[in-house]
Amino acid sequence: VMMPEMDGIELCRRIKENIETSHIPIILLTAKNKEEDRVEAYESGADGFISKPFNLSVLHARISNLLRSRQRAMEEFLQRAIECVNRHLDDAEFDQTQFLEEMHTTKSTFFRKLKSLTGLNYSSFIRNIRMKAACRIMEEKKRVRVSELAYAVGYNDPRYFSVCFKKEIGMQPSEYMEKFTTGGTVEDDM
């Protein structure tokens, strides 16, 4: 906590107020051990507060716990995002604004988390989920028209759907059906 130029409390506060760095876990190590010092640390956004002298195994345990907690939170976030897209799978009008509202997050936070977890931007993430769903539908139904498949995953234009499917999966829907489903064919009706 005690550092030259800026103390740890102020550094913590600045890190936690910045949207680009607010996700970074912070544990404050200090010789201060009064309750009001602990309160001030947590009010500044600290994730942990350990008084000196401290046991190194306690610090390691606290770090591991914070990292596990962050990992669980990120997995839950990703699962919620996937479920949200799946709830609106056949809705071609499902847009970014509705997505952000249902995720209860801001645009910048959402995009930062999504990019760090998946490497994808918003539209690529949506397309990826929809194309995986199209693959599942083909595997379940065995025979399906391209237009039916397109509408089922939120595309109003079967031709555009086929272009997106090929870009994402690497083959046309009919090729996928031939290769990966038992005895199924896709009926081209474009």
C-alpha atoms as a PDB file:
ATOM      1  CA  VAL A   1       0.000   0.000   0.000  1.00  0.00           C
ATOM      2  CA  MET A   2       2.806   2.430   0.870  1.00  0.00           C
ATOM      3  CA  MET A   3       4.665   3.364  -2.312  1.00  0.00           C
ATOM      4  CA  PRO A   4       6.430   6.475  -3.564  1.00  0.00           C
ATOM      5  CA  GLU A   5       4.500   8.993  -5.713  1.00  0.00           C
ATOM      6  CA  MET A   6       1.158   7.163  -5.453  1.00  0.00           C
ATOM      7  CA  ASP A   7      -0.034   4.783  -2.740  1.00  0.00           C
ATOM      8  CA  GLY A   8      -1.512   1.383  -3.481  1.00  0.00           C
ATOM      9  CA  ILE A   9      -5.034   2.510  -2.616  1.00  0.00           C
ATOM     10  CA  GLU A  10      -4.948   5.234  -5.274  1.00  0.00           C
ATOM     11  CA  LEU A  11      -3.317   2.886  -7.810  1.00  0.00           C
ATOM     12  CA  CYS A  12      -6.009   0.294  -7.121  1.00  0.00           C
ATOM     13  CA  ARG A  13      -8.755   2.898  -7.492  1.00  0.00           C
ATOM     14  CA  ARG A  14      -7.358   4.078 -10.856  1.00  0.00           C
ATOM     15  CA  ILE A  15      -7.007   0.526 -12.174  1.00  0.00           C
ATOM     16  CA  LYS A  16     -10.547  -0.386 -11.129  1.00  0.00           C
ATOM     17  CA  GLU A  17     -12.076   2.807 -12.582  1.00  0.00           C
ATOM     18  CA  ASN A  18     -10.565   2.202 -16.035  1.00  0.00           C
ATOM     19  CA  ILE A  19     -12.738  -0.071 -18.206  1.00  0.00           C
ATOM     20  CA  GLU A  20      -9.621  -1.455 -19.898  1.00  0.00           C
ATOM     21  CA  THR A  21      -7.995  -2.578 -16.628  1.00  0.00           C
ATOM     22  CA  SER A  22     -10.891  -3.009 -14.192  1.00  0.00           C
ATOM     23  CA  HIS A  23     -10.925  -6.797 -14.651  1.00  0.00           C
ATOM     24  CA  ILE A  24      -7.391  -7.192 -13.252  1.00  0.00           C
ATOM     25  CA  PRO A  25      -7.464  -8.725  -9.759  1.00  0.00           C
ATOM     26  CA  ILE A  26      -5.577  -6.737  -7.128  1.00  0.00           C
ATOM     27  CA  ILE A  27      -4.314  -7.930  -3.753  1.00  0.00           C
ATOM     28  CA  LEU A  28      -2.933  -5.221  -1.501  1.00  0.00           C
ATOM     29  CA  LEU A  29      -0.008  -6.190   0.727  1.00  0.00           C
ATOM     30  CA  THR A  30       0.540  -3.820   3.615  1.00  0.00           C
ATOM     31  CA  ALA A  31       1.971  -3.336   7.060  1.00  0.00           C
ATOM     32  CA  LYS A  32      -1.278  -1.567   7.949  1.00  0.00           C
ATOM     33  CA  ASN A  33      -3.645  -3.844   9.810  1.00  0.00           C
ATOM     34  CA  LYS A  34      -6.461  -1.710  11.187  1.00  0.00           C
ATOM     35  CA  GLU A  35     -10.028  -2.430  10.163  1.00  0.00           C
ATOM     36  CA  GLU A  36     -10.379   1.047   8.611  1.00  0.00           C
ATOM     37  CA  ASP A  37      -7.319   0.299   6.410  1.00  0.00           C
ATOM     38  CA  ARG A  38      -8.991  -2.914   5.244  1.00  0.00           C
ATOM     39  CA  VAL A  39     -12.276  -1.043   4.576  1.00  0.00           C
ATOM     40  CA  GLU A  40     -10.456   1.643   2.582  1.00  0.00           C
ATOM     41  CA  ALA A  41      -8.696  -1.044   0.509  1.00  0.00           C
ATOM     42  CA  TYR A  42     -11.916  -2.841  -0.358  1.00  0.00           C
ATOM     43  CA  GLU A  43     -13.710   0.431  -1.077  1.00  0.00           C
ATOM     44  CA  SER A  44     -10.971   1.255  -3.586  1.00  0.00           C
ATOM     45  CA  GLY A  45     -11.808  -1.970  -5.430  1.00  0.00           C
ATOM     46  CA  ALA A  46      -9.158  -4.334  -4.062  1.00  0.00           C
ATOM     47  CA  ASP A  47      -9.933  -8.030  -4.405  1.00  0.00           C
ATOM     48  CA  GLY A  48      -7.759  -8.972  -1.462  1.00  0.00           C
ATOM     49  CA  PHE A  49      -5.960  -7.445   1.510  1.00  0.00           C
ATOM     50  CA  ILE A  50      -3.104  -9.214   3.265  1.00  0.00           C
ATOM     51  CA  SER A  51      -1.257  -7.705   6.217  1.00  0.00           C
ATOM     52  CA  LYS A  52       2.491  -8.039   6.686  1.00  0.00           C
ATOM     53  CA  PRO A  53       4.142 -10.134   7.836  1.00  0.00           C
ATOM     54  CA  PHE A  54       2.358 -12.715   5.715  1.00  0.00           C
ATOM     55  CA  ASN A  55       2.801 -16.349   4.900  1.00  0.00           C
ATOM     56  CA  LEU A  56       3.709 -16.911   1.235  1.00  0.00           C
ATOM     57  CA  SER A  57       1.393 -19.937   1.053  1.00  0.00           C
ATOM     58  CA  VAL A  58      -1.528 -17.686   2.109  1.00  0.00           C
ATOM     59  CA  LEU A  59      -0.678 -15.273  -0.721  1.00  0.00           C
ATOM     60  CA  HIS A  60      -0.432 -18.151  -3.241  1.00  0.00           C
ATOM     61  CA  ALA A  61      -3.760 -19.570  -2.037  1.00  0.00           C
ATOM     62  CA  ARG A  62      -5.445 -16.164  -2.356  1.00  0.00           C
ATOM     63  CA  ILE A  63      -4.044 -15.677  -5.886  1.00  0.00           C
ATOM     64  CA  SER A  64      -5.207 -19.161  -6.937  1.00  0.00           C
ATOM     65  CA  ASN A  65      -8.636 -18.510  -5.499  1.00  0.00           C
ATOM     66  CA  LEU A  66      -8.962 -15.181  -7.334  1.00  0.00           C
ATOM     67  CA  LEU A  67      -7.873 -16.717 -10.632  1.00  0.00           C
ATOM     68  CA  ARG A  68     -10.321 -19.624 -10.261  1.00  0.00           C
ATOM     69  CA  SER A  69     -13.080 -17.192  -9.421  1.00  0.00           C
ATOM     70  CA  ARG A  70     -12.297 -15.058 -12.494  1.00  0.00           C
ATOM     71  CA  GLN A  71     -12.188 -18.165 -14.689  1.00  0.00           C
ATOM     72  CA  ARG A  72     -15.610 -19.296 -13.431  1.00  0.00           C
ATOM     73  CA  ALA A  73     -17.024 -15.823 -14.022  1.00  0.00           C
ATOM     74  CA  MET A  74     -15.681 -15.756 -17.576  1.00  0.00           C
ATOM     75  CA  GLU A  75     -17.065 -19.241 -18.318  1.00  0.00           C
ATOM     76  CA  GLU A  76     -20.442 -18.185 -16.922  1.00  0.00           C
ATOM     77  CA  PHE A  77     -20.352 -15.041 -19.069  1.00  0.00           C
ATOM     78  CA  LEU A  78     -19.579 -17.068 -22.197  1.00  0.00           C
ATOM     79  CA  GLN A  79     -22.311 -19.611 -21.381  1.00  0.00           C
ATOM     80  CA  ARG A  80     -24.843 -16.796 -20.875  1.00  0.00           C
ATOM     81  CA  ALA A  81     -23.843 -15.261 -24.223  1.00  0.00           C
ATOM     82  CA  ILE A  82     -24.241 -18.590 -26.044  1.00  0.00           C
ATOM     83  CA  GLU A  83     -27.617 -19.222 -24.384  1.00  0.00           C
ATOM     84  CA  CYS A  84     -28.759 -15.714 -25.303  1.00  0.00           C
ATOM     85  CA  VAL A  85     -27.947 -16.256 -28.991  1.00  0.00           C
ATOM     86  CA  ASN A  86     -29.592 -19.688 -28.923  1.00  0.00           C
ATOM     87  CA  ARG A  87     -32.799 -18.187 -27.464  1.00  0.00           C
ATOM     88  CA  HIS A  88     -32.956 -15.908 -30.512  1.00  0.00           C
ATOM     89  CA  LEU A  89     -31.596 -18.390 -33.020  1.00  0.00           C
ATOM     90  CA  ASP A  90     -34.394 -18.041 -35.581  1.00  0.00           C
ATOM     91  CA  ASP A  91     -34.776 -14.275 -35.093  1.00  0.00           C
ATOM     92  CA  ALA A  92     -33.152 -12.455 -38.004  1.00  0.00           C
ATOM     93  CA  GLU A  93     -33.914  -9.156 -36.217  1.00  0.00           C
ATOM     94  CA  PHE A  94     -31.893 -10.045 -33.109  1.00  0.00           C
ATOM     95  CA  ASP A  95     -29.368  -7.241 -32.877  1.00  0.00           C
ATOM     96  CA  GLN A  96     -26.500  -5.909 -30.824  1.00  0.00           C
ATOM     97  CA  THR A  97     -28.689  -3.637 -28.699  1.00  0.00           C
ATOM     98  CA  GLN A  98     -30.981  -6.483 -27.658  1.00  0.00           C
ATOM     99  CA  PHE A  99     -27.988  -8.729 -27.016  1.00  0.00           C
ATOM    100  CA  LEU A 100     -26.342  -6.155 -24.713  1.00  0.00           C
ATOM    101  CA  GLU A 101     -29.621  -5.549 -22.854  1.00  0.00           C
ATOM    102  CA  GLU A 102     -30.109  -9.253 -22.195  1.00  0.00           C
ATOM    103  CA  MET A 103     -26.475  -9.667 -21.124  1.00  0.00           C
ATOM    104  CA  HIS A 104     -26.865  -6.694 -18.721  1.00  0.00           C
ATOM    105  CA  THR A 105     -23.564  -5.161 -19.776  1.00  0.00           C
ATOM    106  CA  THR A 106     -22.099  -2.210 -21.616  1.00  0.00           C
ATOM    107  CA  LYS A 107     -20.874  -2.406 -25.179  1.00  0.00           C
ATOM    108  CA  SER A 108     -17.204  -1.890 -24.316  1.00  0.00           C
ATOM    109  CA  THR A 109     -17.212  -4.427 -21.461  1.00  0.00           C
ATOM    110  CA  PHE A 110     -19.042  -6.985 -23.564  1.00  0.00           C
ATOM    111  CA  PHE A 111     -16.711  -6.666 -26.548  1.00  0.00           C
ATOM    112  CA  ARG A 112     -13.581  -6.761 -24.388  1.00  0.00           C
ATOM    113  CA  LYS A 113     -14.735  -9.910 -22.606  1.00  0.00           C
ATOM    114  CA  LEU A 114     -15.974 -11.570 -25.795  1.00  0.00           C
ATOM    115  CA  LYS A 115     -12.747 -10.839 -27.654  1.00  0.00           C
ATOM    116  CA  SER A 116     -10.555 -12.064 -24.781  1.00  0.00           C
ATOM    117  CA  LEU A 117     -12.569 -15.287 -24.364  1.00  0.00           C
ATOM    118  CA  THR A 118     -13.225 -16.234 -27.985  1.00  0.00           C
ATOM    119  CA  GLY A 119     -11.021 -14.079 -30.192  1.00  0.00           C
ATOM    120  CA  LEU A 120     -14.211 -13.122 -32.048  1.00  0.00           C
ATOM    121  CA  ASN A 121     -16.074  -9.864 -32.484  1.00  0.00           C
ATOM    122  CA  TYR A 122     -19.850  -9.611 -32.017  1.00  0.00           C
ATOM    123  CA  SER A 123     -20.934 -10.570 -35.551  1.00  0.00           C
ATOM    124  CA  SER A 124     -18.403 -13.405 -35.851  1.00  0.00           C
ATOM    125  CA  PHE A 125     -19.546 -14.792 -32.490  1.00  0.00           C
ATOM    126  CA  ILE A 126     -23.217 -14.733 -33.560  1.00  0.00           C
ATOM    127  CA  ARG A 127     -22.381 -16.336 -36.910  1.00  0.00           C
ATOM    128  CA  ASN A 128     -20.310 -19.033 -35.190  1.00  0.00           C
ATOM    129  CA  ILE A 129     -23.170 -19.957 -32.816  1.00  0.00           C
ATOM    130  CA  ARG A 130     -25.714 -19.952 -35.645  1.00  0.00           C
ATOM    131  CA  MET A 131     -23.566 -22.128 -37.900  1.00  0.00           C
ATOM    132  CA  LYS A 132     -22.952 -24.644 -35.128  1.00  0.00           C
ATOM    133  CA  ALA A 133     -26.712 -24.758 -34.604  1.00  0.00           C
ATOM    134  CA  ALA A 134     -27.202 -25.333 -38.346  1.00  0.00           C
ATOM    135  CA  CYS A 135     -24.819 -28.296 -38.133  1.00  0.00           C
ATOM    136  CA  ARG A 136     -26.788 -29.722 -35.184  1.00  0.00           C
ATOM    137  CA  ILE A 137     -30.054 -29.310 -37.075  1.00  0.00           C
ATOM    138  CA  MET A 138     -28.652 -31.142 -40.092  1.00  0.00           C
ATOM    139  CA  GLU A 139     -27.359 -33.938 -37.885  1.00  0.00           C
ATOM    140  CA  GLU A 140     -30.710 -34.283 -36.111  1.00  0.00           C
ATOM    141  CA  LYS A 141     -33.078 -33.956 -39.064  1.00  0.00           C
ATOM    142  CA  LYS A 142     -30.933 -35.761 -41.673  1.00  0.00           C
ATOM    143  CA  ARG A 143     -32.913 -34.191 -44.566  1.00  0.00           C
ATOM    144  CA  VAL A 144     -33.540 -30.490 -44.546  1.00  0.00           C
ATOM    145  CA  ARG A 145     -34.013 -27.777 -47.142  1.00  0.00           C
ATOM    146  CA  VAL A 146     -31.394 -25.030 -47.214  1.00  0.00           C
ATOM    147  CA  SER A 147     -34.102 -22.383 -46.886  1.00  0.00           C
ATOM    148  CA  GLU A 148     -35.606 -24.133 -43.836  1.00  0.00           C
ATOM    149  CA  LEU A 149     -32.137 -24.384 -42.306  1.00  0.00           C
ATOM    150  CA  ALA A 150     -31.391 -20.718 -43.047  1.00  0.00           C
ATOM    151  CA  TYR A 151     -34.639 -19.501 -41.437  1.00  0.00           C
ATOM    152  CA  ALA A 152     -34.110 -21.778 -38.437  1.00  0.00           C
ATOM    153  CA  VAL A 153     -30.812 -20.052 -37.629  1.00  0.00           C
ATOM    154  CA  GLY A 154     -31.845 -16.449 -38.273  1.00  0.00           C
ATOM    155  CA  TYR A 155     -31.067 -15.898 -41.953  1.00  0.00           C
ATOM    156  CA  ASN A 156     -33.747 -14.535 -44.285  1.00  0.00           C
ATOM    157  CA  ASP A 157     -31.678 -15.220 -47.405  1.00  0.00           C
ATOM    158  CA  PRO A 158     -30.751 -18.887 -48.022  1.00  0.00           C
ATOM    159  CA  ARG A 159     -28.010 -17.915 -50.506  1.00  0.00           C
ATOM    160  CA  TYR A 160     -26.365 -15.600 -48.005  1.00  0.00           C
ATOM    161  CA  PHE A 161     -26.718 -18.293 -45.358  1.00  0.00           C
ATOM    162  CA  SER A 162     -24.865 -20.739 -47.648  1.00  0.00           C
ATOM    163  CA  VAL A 163     -22.077 -18.198 -48.185  1.00  0.00           C
ATOM    164  CA  CYS A 164     -21.750 -17.661 -44.419  1.00  0.00           C
ATOM    165  CA  PHE A 165     -21.892 -21.411 -43.755  1.00  0.00           C
ATOM    166  CA  LYS A 166     -19.089 -22.062 -46.224  1.00  0.00           C
ATOM    167  CA  LYS A 167     -17.004 -19.238 -44.726  1.00  0.00           C
ATOM    168  CA  GLU A 168     -17.493 -20.558 -41.172  1.00  0.00           C
ATOM    169  CA  ILE A 169     -17.512 -24.338 -41.697  1.00  0.00           C
ATOM    170  CA  GLY A 170     -15.444 -24.599 -44.883  1.00  0.00           C
ATOM    171  CA  MET A 171     -18.040 -26.307 -47.073  1.00  0.00           C
ATOM    172  CA  GLN A 172     -21.555 -25.848 -48.425  1.00  0.00           C
ATOM    173  CA  PRO A 173     -24.469 -27.114 -46.300  1.00  0.00           C
ATOM    174  CA  SER A 174     -25.074 -29.896 -48.854  1.00  0.00           C
ATOM    175  CA  GLU A 175     -21.436 -31.026 -48.560  1.00  0.00           C
ATOM    176  CA  TYR A 176     -21.692 -31.013 -44.775  1.00  0.00           C
ATOM    177  CA  MET A 177     -24.850 -33.100 -44.906  1.00  0.00           C
ATOM    178  CA  GLU A 178     -23.214 -35.629 -47.224  1.00  0.00           C
ATOM    179  CA  LYS A 179     -20.044 -35.925 -45.153  1.00  0.00           C
ATOM    180  CA  PHE A 180     -21.290 -35.783 -41.595  1.00  0.00           C
ATOM    181  CA  THR A 181     -24.783 -37.162 -41.420  1.00  0.00           C
ATOM    182  CA  THR A 182     -25.846 -40.714 -42.010  1.00  0.00           C
ATOM    183  CA  GLY A 183     -27.588 -41.141 -45.323  1.00  0.00           C
ATOM    184  CA  GLY A 184     -28.871 -37.581 -45.367  1.00  0.00           C
ATOM    185  CA  THR A 185     -29.001 -35.087 -48.183  1.00  0.00           C
ATOM    186  CA  VAL A 186     -29.787 -31.437 -48.256  1.00  0.00           C
ATOM    187  CA  GLU A 187     -32.400 -30.326 -50.682  1.00  0.00           C
ATOM    188  CA  ASP A 188     -31.137 -27.266 -52.518  1.00  0.00           C
ATOM    189  CA  ASP A 189     -34.086 -24.952 -52.955  1.00  0.00           C
ATOM    190  CA  MET A 190     -32.402 -21.647 -53.504  1.00  0.00           C
END
